[in-house]
Protein backbone atom coordinates (compact mmCIF):
# COMPACT_ATOMS: atom_id res chain seq x y z
CA MET A 1 -18.34 -44.32 -29.63
CA GLN A 2 -17.42 -40.73 -29.76
CA ASN A 3 -20.87 -39.43 -29.86
CA ASP A 4 -21.60 -41.99 -26.69
CA MET A 5 -19.01 -40.06 -25.07
CA LYS A 6 -20.25 -36.51 -26.51
CA SER A 7 -23.70 -37.28 -25.74
CA THR A 8 -22.94 -38.64 -21.85
CA ILE A 9 -20.63 -35.64 -21.17
CA GLN A 10 -23.72 -33.79 -22.36
CA ALA A 11 -26.29 -34.82 -20.02
CA ALA A 12 -23.82 -34.84 -17.10
CA VAL A 13 -23.26 -31.20 -17.91
CA ALA A 14 -27.12 -30.52 -18.29
CA ASP A 15 -27.88 -32.41 -14.94
CA ALA A 16 -25.24 -29.97 -13.07
CA VAL A 17 -26.40 -27.04 -14.65
CA GLU A 18 -30.37 -27.87 -13.88
CA LYS A 19 -29.09 -28.72 -10.14
CA ALA A 20 -27.07 -25.47 -9.79
CA THR A 21 -30.20 -23.49 -11.57
CA GLY A 22 -32.77 -25.07 -9.58
CA ARG A 23 -31.30 -24.34 -6.33
CA GLN A 24 -30.48 -20.87 -6.90
CA LEU A 25 -34.38 -20.64 -8.27
CA GLU A 26 -35.57 -21.81 -4.82
CA LEU A 27 -33.30 -19.83 -2.97
CA LEU A 28 -34.55 -16.77 -4.84
CA GLY A 29 -38.44 -18.03 -4.48
CA ARG A 30 -37.65 -18.00 -0.50
CA GLN A 31 -35.81 -14.88 -0.64
CA LEU A 32 -38.88 -13.08 -2.32
CA GLU A 33 -41.57 -14.97 0.12
CA LEU A 34 -39.29 -13.32 3.01
CA LEU A 35 -39.09 -9.90 1.48
CA GLU A 36 -43.03 -10.17 1.03
CA LYS A 37 -43.38 -10.94 4.77
CA VAL A 38 -40.95 -7.72 5.85
CA VAL A 39 -42.88 -5.40 3.54
CA GLN A 40 -46.41 -6.28 4.92
CA PHE A 41 -45.02 -6.10 8.43
CA LEU A 42 -43.39 -2.53 7.46
CA GLY A 43 -46.73 -1.26 6.48
CA ILE A 44 -44.74 -0.85 2.70
CA GLU A 45 -47.21 -0.63 -0.09
CA PRO A 46 -45.60 -3.76 -2.57
CA GLY A 47 -44.96 -2.47 -5.77
CA PRO A 48 -45.27 -5.00 -8.87
CA THR A 49 -42.68 -8.14 -8.31
CA ARG A 50 -40.07 -8.92 -10.87
CA VAL A 51 -39.08 -12.45 -11.14
CA ALA A 52 -35.35 -13.02 -11.81
CA SER A 53 -34.76 -14.45 -15.33
CA GLY A 54 -31.37 -13.96 -16.07
CA PRO A 55 -29.07 -11.24 -16.15
CA LYS A 56 -30.38 -7.20 -16.67
CA ARG A 57 -29.76 -5.85 -20.22
CA ALA A 58 -29.35 -2.35 -20.61
CA SER A 59 -32.12 -0.81 -22.15
CA VAL A 60 -31.48 0.52 -26.15
CA PRO A 61 -32.77 4.23 -26.22
CA SER A 62 -35.29 4.70 -29.11
CA PRO A 63 -33.66 6.55 -31.96
CA ALA A 64 -34.13 10.79 -31.47
CA PRO A 65 -36.86 11.72 -34.14
CA LYS A 66 -35.87 13.43 -37.33
CA ARG A 67 -35.84 17.31 -37.66
CA PRO A 68 -37.07 18.72 -40.48
CA SER A 69 -34.43 20.34 -42.65
CA SER A 70 -36.24 23.40 -42.37
CA VAL A 71 -35.36 23.90 -38.70
CA PRO A 72 -32.06 25.16 -38.26
CA VAL A 73 -29.45 23.36 -35.86
CA ARG A 74 -28.69 24.91 -32.58
CA LYS A 75 -24.97 24.56 -31.60
CA TRP A 76 -24.54 24.01 -28.19
CA VAL A 77 -22.76 26.70 -26.12
CA LYS A 78 -20.92 25.85 -22.94
CA PRO A 79 -21.99 28.24 -20.57
CA GLU A 80 -19.21 30.37 -18.58
CA ALA A 81 -17.67 28.91 -15.70
CA ALA A 82 -17.03 30.74 -12.78
CA PRO A 83 -13.28 31.35 -11.73
CA LYS A 84 -12.16 29.11 -9.26
CA PRO A 85 -10.72 31.06 -6.56
CA THR A 86 -6.90 30.52 -6.00
CA ARG A 87 -5.23 28.95 -2.91
CA THR A 88 -3.08 31.50 -0.86
CA LYS A 89 -1.25 28.65 0.82
CA ALA A 90 -0.27 25.22 -0.81
CA ALA A 91 -2.09 21.70 0.99
CA PRO A 92 0.20 20.45 3.36
CA GLN A 93 1.77 16.93 1.79
CA ALA A 94 1.60 13.88 3.66
CA ARG A 95 4.51 13.15 4.30
CA ARG A 96 5.64 9.15 4.57
CA GLY A 97 7.85 7.16 6.76
CA ARG A 98 9.79 8.03 9.71
CA PRO A 99 10.16 11.76 10.83
CA ARG A 100 12.87 13.99 10.00
CA ALA A 101 14.25 14.51 13.70
CA ALA A 102 12.89 10.99 14.99
CA GLY A 103 15.75 8.42 16.25
CA ARG A 104 18.82 11.37 15.70
CA ALA A 105 20.72 13.43 18.03
CA THR A 106 20.29 17.33 18.52
CA THR A 107 22.69 18.98 15.95
CA VAL A 108 24.53 20.68 18.87
CA ALA A 109 25.38 17.67 20.68
CA ALA A 110 26.09 15.51 17.34
CA PRO A 111 29.92 16.51 17.57
CA ASN A 112 30.41 15.69 20.88
CA SER A 113 28.96 12.30 21.02
CA SER A 114 31.25 10.94 18.85
CA PRO A 115 35.09 12.07 18.63
CA SER A 116 36.38 12.75 15.58
CA PRO A 117 39.91 13.60 14.24
CA ALA A 118 38.57 17.54 14.73
CA THR A 119 38.45 16.79 18.48
CA SER A 120 41.55 16.31 20.42
CA VAL A 121 40.66 12.71 21.53
CA ALA A 122 44.24 10.85 20.18
CA TYR A 123 44.24 6.95 20.37
CA GLU A 124 47.23 5.53 21.61
CA VAL A 125 48.67 1.98 21.30
CA GLY A 126 47.60 -0.21 24.07
CA GLN A 127 44.80 2.02 24.60
CA GLU A 128 41.06 0.43 25.94
CA VAL A 129 38.68 1.42 23.49
CA ARG A 130 35.01 0.06 22.61
CA TYR A 131 34.34 0.37 18.80
CA LYS A 132 30.96 -0.62 17.08
CA GLN A 133 30.21 -3.29 14.27
CA GLY A 134 26.78 -3.86 12.90
CA ARG A 135 24.43 -3.88 15.83
CA GLY A 136 26.76 -4.52 18.62
CA SER A 137 29.62 -2.78 20.79
CA PHE A 138 33.18 -4.51 21.64
CA SER A 139 35.81 -3.95 23.64
CA ALA A 140 39.06 -3.94 22.27
CA LYS A 141 42.67 -2.47 22.35
CA VAL A 142 44.37 -0.58 19.86
CA LYS A 143 47.32 -1.99 18.11
CA SER A 144 48.06 0.85 15.24
CA ILE A 145 46.70 4.09 14.28
CA ASP A 146 46.78 5.50 10.60
CA ALA A 147 46.12 9.40 11.22
CA LYS A 148 46.18 10.03 7.21
CA ALA A 149 43.22 7.39 6.42
CA LYS A 150 41.91 8.14 9.71
CA THR A 151 41.55 4.81 11.01
CA VAL A 152 42.58 2.61 14.36
CA THR A 153 43.19 -1.14 13.72
CA VAL A 154 41.96 -2.66 16.83
CA GLU A 155 41.75 -6.36 18.66
CA ARG A 156 39.02 -7.41 20.34
CA VAL A 157 39.08 -8.58 23.42
CA SER A 158 36.60 -11.30 23.19
CA ASP A 159 38.16 -13.75 20.51
CA ASN A 160 41.70 -11.53 19.50
CA LYS A 161 40.10 -10.39 16.05
CA GLN A 162 42.11 -7.93 14.24
CA VAL A 163 39.41 -4.99 13.11
CA VAL A 164 40.23 -1.68 10.98
CA ARG A 165 37.21 0.87 12.20
CA PRO A 166 37.24 4.53 11.23
CA PHE A 167 37.65 6.76 14.23
CA ASP A 168 34.29 7.91 14.49
CA LYS A 169 32.86 4.43 15.22
CA VAL A 170 36.13 4.14 18.21
CA THR A 171 35.19 5.59 21.16
CA PRO A 172 37.65 5.32 24.57
CA ALA A 173 36.52 2.99 27.01
């Protein structure tokens, strides 16, 4: 039973391999005919044609002839290489990512763009302010100020939620 199954599998595999290789050989034959026509059209003298019979093998070099012991061995000496010219300036390195100044305000305008405790902006309880949270900006009223921690507790106008924000995230409305 096992021998029958084995021989059936072998026969099926042999048929499949024969079909695949037969088709490949047929296609290679057609390609060869077309190439011969192209060569004839171009007027190139055709050389000896080789039929692809399988994977190409690297030729094994024949062993070097033995030298008689009376011939002295010559050692190979590496020729002196010319010194390479030195560079006066290092090659510029390609930088990746965003340029340093992209998306930033100038250094002169930075202190004035947002109020900080160093500036004369003082918040009062009940004052209308805007503050940044994540990607958005919200309107709010100041509830309390903690000068020591440099934070302001504000209450959002939209939903009356109280949030503690640092001075530099809060601007007068």
